[in-house]
Amino acid sequence: MSNLLRLACLCLAALAAGCATPAARPLARTPLLLVSIDGFRADYLDRGYSPALRSLATEGVQGAGLQPSFPSLTFPNHYSLVTGRYPDHHGIVDNAMSVPALGRFTLGNRAAVSDGRWWDQAEPIWVTAQRDGLKTATMFWPGSEASIHGRRPDYWLPYDGDMGYDARVDHVLQWLDLPPAQRPGFVTLYFEAVDSAGHYEGPDAPQTDAAIAQVDHALARLIAGLKRRGLYDRLNLIVLADHGMAATPPAQRIFLDDLIDPAHAQVVSTGAIAGIIPAPGHEAEIAGALLKPQPHMQCWRKADIPARLHYGGNARVPPLFCLAQVGWLITHNQATALHHGKPLRGEHGFDNADPTMRALFVAHGPAFRPRTWMPVFPNVDVYPLMTHLLGIPAQPNDGDYRAVEGMLEPAAR
């Protein structure tokens, strides 16, 4: 391949799979690539639709599952993975929040998602890595669109659900093709198809199996690209998920309208969990209605949420909080029982101790012991593992490096 053609390939936003085959280059520090497959329940790996992922797990480290932080939702857990803090400590306590000083936060509110004030209660790993001299790159990781503590990743893209998976993989490979002084030492990659299929079709649907296969094809492309570059055995790769998925039959709904007067409270979030802010003067009325025993749901004042959930101390948690029985959903009215006009046949956010909430964990690379099995461990432990692999100082966190160091080669501990 000519130098001119190689340069042209590197400049493309999405490289063709075989466009460049750069030779192995010396690496100052072993790079770390963190891949999230949103909603990939731990036992999905046994379904037979992900041969590339199965090969990684067989060669490297396979976990029985990651226990997500509570609540087992997308944004809270993605931020827990890169900060090592429980949501109650990093401030992203739900996918939907309402705070007088900041307004309303939802996943689709781009202004809120890119506002660093929502994220600055903890420092994500890419900020720490930058301060320690590493370049960083994020492909759609929650929080990476915001300036946090005055910093953004060196390379990042605003979330675009229409961006194809081949293009995402090729963009990551393009970052790894950069000259040594510009090349990121920490990179993230994100896929959402498995989560979307699980929500709309259910975790046991053939469409969810097809989504597993779709993401596995993208991982195979990534692995092939790493091998062509001589990076497959010289780069540490962690593939994980933020949470699992439980079936939620449409008949299993709890309507808050049947319990409280909607005019007397603000319902901040619904789903597996619900946060409720009583209107002034109606605190006793709303609390009295919700705190009595309820079928398929338990509600607490925030100060009374069970300590094992590590939740309820943050100011962003509403004063009244409800958790549905696994398989049931809390909704506000008939309209909100639908998501984009469709019933949710699968959901997460439930008690993080439930096996259906367990998330995928697989790791491969020179630091990891081959053919190693790990029992279930909390996802906050991933953060101290990653800071150790990168050789950067860990910020205050809720994880425990000692619980996961057994997956590493003795020389890497």
Protein backbone atom coordinates (compact mmCIF):
# COMPACT_ATOMS: atom_id res chain seq x y z
CA MET A 1 0.00 0.00 0.00
CA SER A 2 1.37 3.43 -0.88
CA ASN A 3 1.97 6.11 1.73
CA LEU A 4 -0.57 8.31 -0.02
CA LEU A 5 -3.26 5.67 0.18
CA ARG A 6 -2.50 4.94 3.83
CA LEU A 7 -2.80 8.65 4.65
CA ALA A 8 -6.12 8.83 2.82
CA CYS A 9 -7.43 5.88 4.78
CA LEU A 10 -6.44 7.42 8.10
CA CYS A 11 -8.29 10.59 7.25
CA LEU A 12 -11.60 8.87 6.63
CA ALA A 13 -14.20 9.12 9.41
CA ALA A 14 -14.95 5.45 8.98
CA LEU A 15 -12.23 3.23 7.60
CA ALA A 16 -13.01 0.27 5.41
CA ALA A 17 -12.13 -2.96 7.18
CA GLY A 18 -9.11 -3.82 5.06
CA CYS A 19 -8.02 -0.36 4.05
CA ALA A 20 -4.97 -0.14 6.26
CA THR A 21 -2.70 -2.78 7.72
CA PRO A 22 -0.15 -0.79 9.70
CA ALA A 23 2.80 -2.63 11.14
CA ALA A 24 3.14 -3.11 14.89
CA ARG A 25 4.54 0.00 16.54
CA PRO A 26 6.25 0.44 19.92
CA LEU A 27 3.83 1.43 22.67
CA ALA A 28 4.85 3.63 25.60
CA ARG A 29 2.14 2.13 27.82
CA THR A 30 -0.13 -0.82 27.13
CA PRO A 31 -3.35 0.66 25.73
CA LEU A 32 -6.70 -0.20 27.30
CA LEU A 33 -9.83 -0.59 25.16
CA LEU A 34 -13.13 -0.67 27.08
CA VAL A 35 -16.16 -1.95 25.14
CA SER A 36 -19.72 -1.70 26.43
CA ILE A 37 -22.51 -3.86 25.01
CA ASP A 38 -25.51 -2.17 26.59
CA GLY A 39 -27.98 -4.62 28.12
CA PHE A 40 -25.92 -7.78 27.44
CA ARG A 41 -27.07 -10.04 30.26
CA ALA A 42 -24.32 -12.34 31.55
CA ASP A 43 -26.03 -15.55 30.44
CA TYR A 44 -26.52 -14.29 26.86
CA LEU A 45 -22.96 -15.49 26.24
CA ASP A 46 -24.19 -19.10 26.47
CA ARG A 47 -26.79 -18.75 23.71
CA GLY A 48 -24.38 -19.52 20.88
CA TYR A 49 -24.85 -16.30 18.89
CA SER A 50 -21.56 -14.65 19.85
CA PRO A 51 -18.61 -16.81 18.69
CA ALA A 52 -16.10 -13.93 18.66
CA LEU A 53 -17.00 -12.97 22.21
CA ARG A 54 -16.97 -16.62 23.27
CA SER A 55 -13.46 -17.00 21.85
CA LEU A 56 -12.28 -13.95 23.82
CA ALA A 57 -13.79 -15.39 26.99
CA THR A 58 -12.24 -18.80 26.41
CA GLU A 59 -8.79 -17.37 25.75
CA GLY A 60 -8.86 -14.75 28.50
CA VAL A 61 -10.97 -13.91 31.55
CA GLN A 62 -14.66 -14.68 31.81
CA GLY A 63 -16.76 -13.46 34.70
CA ALA A 64 -19.86 -15.17 36.05
CA GLY A 65 -21.28 -11.69 35.80
CA LEU A 66 -20.90 -8.11 36.91
CA GLN A 67 -23.30 -6.99 39.60
CA PRO A 68 -24.47 -3.56 38.47
CA SER A 69 -24.74 -0.69 40.88
CA PHE A 70 -28.23 0.27 41.98
CA PRO A 71 -30.31 1.36 40.20
CA SER A 72 -29.35 -0.99 37.38
CA LEU A 73 -29.87 1.63 34.68
CA THR A 74 -27.74 2.72 31.73
CA PHE A 75 -26.36 6.14 32.61
CA PRO A 76 -25.83 5.48 36.34
CA ASN A 77 -23.91 2.27 35.62
CA HIS A 78 -21.82 3.55 32.74
CA TYR A 79 -20.66 6.33 35.03
CA SER A 80 -20.03 3.89 37.88
CA LEU A 81 -17.79 1.85 35.57
CA VAL A 82 -15.55 4.83 34.76
CA THR A 83 -15.54 6.43 38.23
CA GLY A 84 -15.73 3.45 40.58
CA ARG A 85 -18.44 5.27 42.53
CA TYR A 86 -21.98 4.16 43.31
CA PRO A 87 -24.60 6.39 41.64
CA ASP A 88 -25.41 7.86 45.04
CA HIS A 89 -21.80 9.07 45.18
CA HIS A 90 -21.22 10.18 41.56
CA GLY A 91 -24.54 11.98 41.16
CA ILE A 92 -26.06 10.29 38.10
CA VAL A 93 -28.69 8.64 40.27
CA ASP A 94 -31.18 7.82 37.50
CA ASN A 95 -31.71 8.09 33.76
CA ALA A 96 -34.18 10.87 34.59
CA MET A 97 -33.56 13.50 37.25
CA SER A 98 -35.01 16.83 38.31
CA VAL A 99 -32.95 19.34 40.30
CA PRO A 100 -34.05 22.96 40.88
CA ALA A 101 -30.59 24.40 40.13
CA LEU A 102 -30.09 22.40 36.92
CA GLY A 103 -33.56 21.57 35.66
CA ARG A 104 -34.50 18.30 34.02
CA PHE A 105 -32.10 15.52 32.98
CA THR A 106 -33.13 12.78 30.54
CA LEU A 107 -31.16 10.61 28.13
CA GLY A 108 -32.56 12.47 25.13
CA ASN A 109 -31.93 15.96 26.52
CA ARG A 110 -28.70 16.81 24.74
CA ALA A 111 -28.26 20.09 26.59
CA ALA A 112 -28.39 18.29 29.94
CA VAL A 113 -26.27 15.34 28.83
CA SER A 114 -23.51 17.72 27.70
CA ASP A 115 -23.70 19.91 30.84
CA GLY A 116 -20.71 19.08 33.04
CA ARG A 117 -22.51 20.20 36.19
CA TRP A 118 -24.52 16.97 36.13
CA TRP A 119 -21.32 14.90 36.02
CA ASP A 120 -18.83 16.74 38.22
CA GLN A 121 -19.55 14.97 41.51
CA ALA A 122 -16.96 12.39 40.43
CA GLU A 123 -14.02 12.30 38.02
CA PRO A 124 -14.18 9.84 35.11
CA ILE A 125 -11.12 7.84 34.22
CA TRP A 126 -10.44 9.74 30.98
CA VAL A 127 -9.96 12.99 32.93
CA THR A 128 -7.48 11.34 35.31
CA ALA A 129 -5.67 9.63 32.42
CA GLN A 130 -5.32 12.93 30.57
CA ARG A 131 -3.88 14.62 33.63
CA ASP A 132 -1.36 11.78 33.85
CA GLY A 133 -0.22 12.31 30.25
CA LEU A 134 -2.34 9.81 28.32
CA LYS A 135 -4.42 10.64 25.27
CA THR A 136 -8.01 9.42 25.54
CA ALA A 137 -10.80 8.62 23.08
CA THR A 138 -14.47 7.80 23.69
CA MET A 139 -17.01 6.40 21.27
CA PHE A 140 -20.40 7.38 22.78
CA TRP A 141 -19.68 6.73 26.48
CA PRO A 142 -22.20 8.48 28.78
CA GLY A 143 -20.56 11.59 30.22
CA SER A 144 -17.99 11.96 27.47
CA GLU A 145 -19.95 14.72 25.71
CA ALA A 146 -19.57 17.02 28.72
CA SER A 147 -16.66 19.08 29.95
CA ILE A 148 -16.00 17.55 33.37
CA HIS A 149 -13.61 19.37 35.70
CA GLY A 150 -12.65 21.45 32.68
CA ARG A 151 -11.69 18.50 30.46
CA ARG A 152 -13.10 16.40 27.64
CA PRO A 153 -11.58 13.30 26.02
CA ASP A 154 -8.98 14.15 23.39
CA TYR A 155 -11.13 12.43 20.77
CA TRP A 156 -14.89 12.01 21.13
CA LEU A 157 -18.09 12.04 19.11
CA PRO A 158 -21.60 13.13 20.10
CA TYR A 159 -23.90 10.13 20.39
CA ASP A 160 -25.38 9.10 17.04
CA GLY A 161 -27.54 6.00 17.19
CA ASP A 162 -27.63 5.87 13.39
CA MET A 163 -23.87 5.42 13.11
CA GLY A 164 -23.27 1.87 11.89
CA TYR A 165 -21.31 -0.58 13.99
CA ASP A 166 -18.68 -1.16 11.31
CA ALA A 167 -18.10 2.58 11.21
CA ARG A 168 -17.77 2.74 15.00
CA VAL A 169 -15.20 -0.06 15.00
CA ASP A 170 -13.27 1.47 12.13
CA HIS A 171 -13.20 4.85 13.85
CA VAL A 172 -11.67 3.27 16.95
CA LEU A 173 -9.09 1.52 14.77
CA GLN A 174 -8.39 4.87 13.13
CA TRP A 175 -7.60 6.36 16.54
CA LEU A 176 -5.21 3.48 17.21
CA ASP A 177 -3.52 4.15 13.85
CA LEU A 178 -2.51 7.66 14.89
CA PRO A 179 1.18 8.49 15.34
CA PRO A 180 2.52 7.56 18.81
CA ALA A 181 2.38 11.11 20.18
CA GLN A 182 -1.30 11.40 19.23
CA ARG A 183 -2.47 7.84 19.81
CA PRO A 184 -4.89 7.33 22.74
CA GLY A 185 -3.88 5.02 25.56
CA PHE A 186 -7.46 4.69 26.80
CA VAL A 187 -10.33 4.11 24.35
CA THR A 188 -14.02 3.27 24.76
CA LEU A 189 -16.52 1.78 22.33
CA TYR A 190 -20.30 1.41 22.75
CA PHE A 191 -23.06 -0.72 21.18
CA GLU A 192 -26.76 -0.41 22.07
CA ALA A 193 -28.57 -2.97 19.85
CA VAL A 194 -28.86 -5.72 22.46
CA ASP A 195 -30.44 -3.34 24.97
CA SER A 196 -32.90 -1.95 22.42
CA ALA A 197 -34.02 -5.41 21.30
CA GLY A 198 -34.37 -6.56 24.90
CA HIS A 199 -36.61 -3.59 25.69
CA TYR A 200 -38.92 -3.80 22.70
CA GLU A 201 -39.00 -7.55 22.08
CA GLY A 202 -38.01 -9.06 25.43
CA PRO A 203 -34.82 -10.78 26.55
CA ASP A 204 -35.86 -14.18 25.17
CA ALA A 205 -37.01 -13.00 21.74
CA PRO A 206 -35.31 -14.04 18.49
CA GLN A 207 -34.76 -10.34 17.73
CA THR A 208 -32.57 -10.11 20.84
CA ASP A 209 -30.56 -13.11 19.66
CA ALA A 210 -30.14 -11.36 16.30
CA ALA A 211 -28.87 -8.24 18.07
CA ILE A 212 -26.34 -10.36 19.97
CA ALA A 213 -25.12 -11.72 16.63
CA GLN A 214 -24.98 -8.20 15.14
CA VAL A 215 -22.74 -6.92 17.93
CA ASP A 216 -20.59 -10.04 17.81
CA HIS A 217 -19.97 -9.40 14.11
CA ALA A 218 -18.71 -5.92 15.02
CA LEU A 219 -16.45 -7.41 17.70
CA ALA A 220 -15.05 -9.87 15.17
CA ARG A 221 -14.26 -6.92 12.92
CA LEU A 222 -12.54 -5.16 15.81
CA ILE A 223 -10.47 -8.23 16.69
CA ALA A 224 -9.46 -8.74 13.07
CA GLY A 225 -8.39 -5.08 12.87
CA LEU A 226 -6.34 -5.38 16.04
CA LYS A 227 -4.63 -8.51 14.74
CA ARG A 228 -3.70 -6.83 11.45
CA ARG A 229 -2.07 -4.05 13.43
CA GLY A 230 -0.16 -6.38 15.73
CA LEU A 231 -2.17 -5.06 18.68
CA TYR A 232 -4.34 -8.03 19.61
CA ASP A 233 -1.80 -9.45 22.06
CA ARG A 234 -0.36 -6.06 23.07
CA LEU A 235 -3.55 -4.27 24.05
CA ASN A 236 -5.73 -4.93 27.10
CA LEU A 237 -9.36 -5.37 26.10
CA ILE A 238 -12.34 -5.38 28.47
CA VAL A 239 -15.78 -6.16 27.07
CA LEU A 240 -18.65 -5.70 29.50
CA ALA A 241 -22.22 -4.54 29.94
CA ASP A 242 -23.89 -2.04 32.22
CA HIS A 243 -26.77 -4.28 33.33
CA GLY A 244 -28.89 -7.26 32.34
CA MET A 245 -32.54 -7.46 31.30
CA ALA A 246 -35.75 -8.94 32.72
CA ALA A 247 -38.95 -9.81 30.89
CA THR A 248 -41.81 -7.39 31.64
CA PRO A 249 -45.09 -8.72 30.20
CA PRO A 250 -47.39 -5.81 29.24
CA ALA A 251 -50.02 -6.92 31.76
CA GLN A 252 -47.61 -6.41 34.66
CA ARG A 253 -47.93 -2.67 35.29
CA ILE A 254 -48.42 -0.60 38.41
CA PHE A 255 -50.22 2.70 37.76
CA LEU A 256 -49.33 5.47 40.18
CA ASP A 257 -52.51 7.30 39.12
CA ASP A 258 -54.46 4.62 40.98
CA LEU A 259 -52.57 5.41 44.18
CA ILE A 260 -51.95 9.16 44.26
CA ASP A 261 -53.46 12.33 42.82
CA PRO A 262 -51.15 13.25 39.87
CA ALA A 263 -51.78 16.95 40.57
CA HIS A 264 -50.24 16.60 44.02
CA ALA A 265 -46.83 15.20 43.06
CA GLN A 266 -44.11 15.31 40.44
CA VAL A 267 -43.22 11.88 39.11
CA VAL A 268 -39.54 12.26 38.19
CA SER A 269 -38.96 8.78 36.78
CA THR A 270 -40.86 5.58 36.09
CA GLY A 271 -40.03 2.03 35.09
CA ALA A 272 -38.42 -0.53 37.41
CA ILE A 273 -38.04 2.39 39.83
CA ALA A 274 -40.00 5.58 40.42
CA GLY A 275 -38.96 8.80 42.08
CA ILE A 276 -41.72 11.05 43.41
CA ILE A 277 -41.56 14.63 44.73
CA PRO A 278 -44.74 15.57 46.62
CA ALA A 279 -46.12 19.04 45.94
CA PRO A 280 -45.76 21.48 48.85
CA GLY A 281 -48.45 20.81 51.42
CA HIS A 282 -49.13 17.28 50.14
CA GLU A 283 -46.12 15.49 51.62
CA ALA A 284 -48.09 13.51 54.22
CA GLU A 285 -50.84 12.64 51.74
CA ILE A 286 -48.47 11.24 49.09
CA ALA A 287 -46.24 9.46 51.60
CA GLY A 288 -49.22 7.89 53.31
CA ALA A 289 -50.52 6.52 50.03
CA LEU A 290 -47.22 5.09 48.82
CA LEU A 291 -45.60 3.82 52.01
CA LYS A 292 -48.41 1.42 52.88
CA PRO A 293 -47.89 -2.17 51.60
CA GLN A 294 -48.32 -2.34 47.83
CA PRO A 295 -48.59 -5.43 45.62
CA HIS A 296 -45.53 -5.87 43.36
CA MET A 297 -43.87 -2.65 44.62
CA GLN A 298 -42.16 -1.28 47.71
CA CYS A 299 -41.74 2.40 48.47
CA TRP A 300 -39.52 4.17 51.00
CA ARG A 301 -38.58 7.60 52.16
CA LYS A 302 -35.12 8.11 50.70
CA ALA A 303 -33.47 7.89 54.13
CA ASP A 304 -35.03 4.42 54.64
CA ILE A 305 -33.85 2.78 51.39
CA PRO A 306 -32.02 -0.46 52.37
CA ALA A 307 -28.34 0.19 53.06
CA ARG A 308 -27.25 -2.69 50.80
CA LEU A 309 -28.41 -0.68 47.77
CA HIS A 310 -25.98 2.19 48.57
CA TYR A 311 -28.69 4.63 47.54
CA GLY A 312 -30.65 7.53 48.99
CA GLY A 313 -28.01 9.89 50.35
CA ASN A 314 -27.61 12.05 47.25
CA ALA A 315 -29.67 15.24 47.05
CA ARG A 316 -30.77 14.25 43.55
CA VAL A 317 -32.68 11.20 44.81
CA PRO A 318 -36.34 12.24 45.20
CA PRO A 319 -37.81 12.20 48.74
CA LEU A 320 -40.03 9.20 47.95
CA PHE A 321 -38.67 6.23 46.04
CA CYS A 322 -40.37 3.06 44.78
CA LEU A 323 -38.90 -0.21 43.47
CA ALA A 324 -40.96 -2.68 41.46
CA GLN A 325 -40.85 -6.43 41.84
CA VAL A 326 -38.71 -7.92 39.06
CA GLY A 327 -40.87 -8.26 35.96
CA TRP A 328 -43.26 -5.44 36.91
CA LEU A 329 -43.08 -1.80 35.84
CA ILE A 330 -44.24 1.35 37.59
CA THR A 331 -45.88 3.84 35.28
CA HIS A 332 -47.63 7.17 35.59
CA ASN A 333 -50.58 6.69 33.26
CA GLN A 334 -51.59 4.72 30.21
CA ALA A 335 -49.56 6.94 27.88
CA THR A 336 -46.31 6.50 29.78
CA ALA A 337 -46.86 2.75 29.86
CA LEU A 338 -45.57 2.87 26.28
CA HIS A 339 -42.06 3.78 25.13
CA HIS A 340 -42.04 5.56 21.76
CA GLY A 341 -45.51 4.09 21.24
CA LYS A 342 -44.50 0.51 22.03
CA PRO A 343 -44.91 -1.58 25.18
CA LEU A 344 -41.71 -2.46 26.98
CA ARG A 345 -41.34 -6.24 26.98
CA GLY A 346 -38.02 -6.06 28.81
CA GLU A 347 -36.57 -3.69 31.39
CA HIS A 348 -33.74 -3.21 33.86
CA GLY A 349 -33.28 -0.96 36.88
CA PHE A 350 -34.50 -3.65 39.28
CA ASP A 351 -32.80 -4.88 42.46
CA ASN A 352 -29.17 -5.27 41.45
CA ALA A 353 -28.90 -8.56 43.38
CA ASP A 354 -31.35 -10.26 41.02
CA PRO A 355 -29.60 -12.65 38.57
CA THR A 356 -31.43 -11.14 35.58
CA MET A 357 -29.60 -7.87 36.21
CA ARG A 358 -26.12 -9.46 35.98
CA ALA A 359 -24.00 -8.03 33.20
CA LEU A 360 -21.34 -9.44 30.90
CA PHE A 361 -17.64 -9.30 31.79
CA VAL A 362 -14.86 -10.60 29.51
CA ALA A 363 -11.21 -9.50 29.40
CA HIS A 364 -8.23 -10.35 27.18
CA GLY A 365 -4.71 -9.03 26.79
CA PRO A 366 -1.15 -9.27 28.06
CA ALA A 367 -2.11 -8.28 31.62
CA PHE A 368 -4.84 -10.92 31.97
CA ARG A 369 -4.38 -14.54 32.97
CA PRO A 370 -5.55 -16.85 30.18
CA ARG A 371 -8.48 -19.20 30.73
CA THR A 372 -9.48 -17.59 34.02
CA TRP A 373 -12.93 -17.70 35.61
CA MET A 374 -14.11 -14.94 37.96
CA PRO A 375 -17.11 -15.13 40.31
CA VAL A 376 -19.71 -12.36 40.28
CA PHE A 377 -18.22 -9.05 41.46
CA PRO A 378 -19.52 -5.45 41.79
CA ASN A 379 -18.99 -3.27 38.74
CA VAL A 380 -17.37 -0.52 40.82
CA ASP A 381 -14.34 -2.86 41.04
CA VAL A 382 -13.70 -2.37 37.31
CA TYR A 383 -12.47 1.18 37.90
CA PRO A 384 -9.51 0.38 40.21
CA LEU A 385 -8.66 -2.49 37.87
CA MET A 386 -8.46 -0.05 34.94
CA THR A 387 -6.47 2.61 36.77
CA HIS A 388 -4.00 -0.12 37.77
CA LEU A 389 -3.70 -1.33 34.17
CA LEU A 390 -3.09 2.23 32.95
CA GLY A 391 -0.67 3.03 35.75
CA ILE A 392 -2.58 6.15 36.77
CA PRO A 393 -3.64 7.28 40.26
CA ALA A 394 -7.12 6.15 41.24
CA GLN A 395 -9.48 8.85 42.46
CA PRO A 396 -11.60 8.19 45.59
CA ASN A 397 -13.88 5.28 44.70
CA ASP A 398 -16.08 2.51 46.10
CA GLY A 399 -14.27 -0.33 44.32
CA ASP A 400 -11.82 -2.92 45.60
CA TYR A 401 -8.79 -3.73 43.45
CA ARG A 402 -7.90 -6.70 45.66
CA ALA A 403 -11.16 -8.40 44.67
CA VAL A 404 -10.16 -8.46 40.99
CA GLU A 405 -6.37 -8.64 40.93
CA GLY A 406 -6.58 -12.43 40.71
CA MET A 407 -7.56 -12.12 37.04
CA LEU A 408 -4.19 -10.54 36.26
CA GLU A 409 -0.88 -12.17 35.45
CA PRO A 410 1.43 -12.05 38.48
CA ALA A 411 3.77 -9.64 36.70
CA ALA A 412 0.85 -7.26 36.02
CA ARG A 413 -0.37 -7.07 39.62
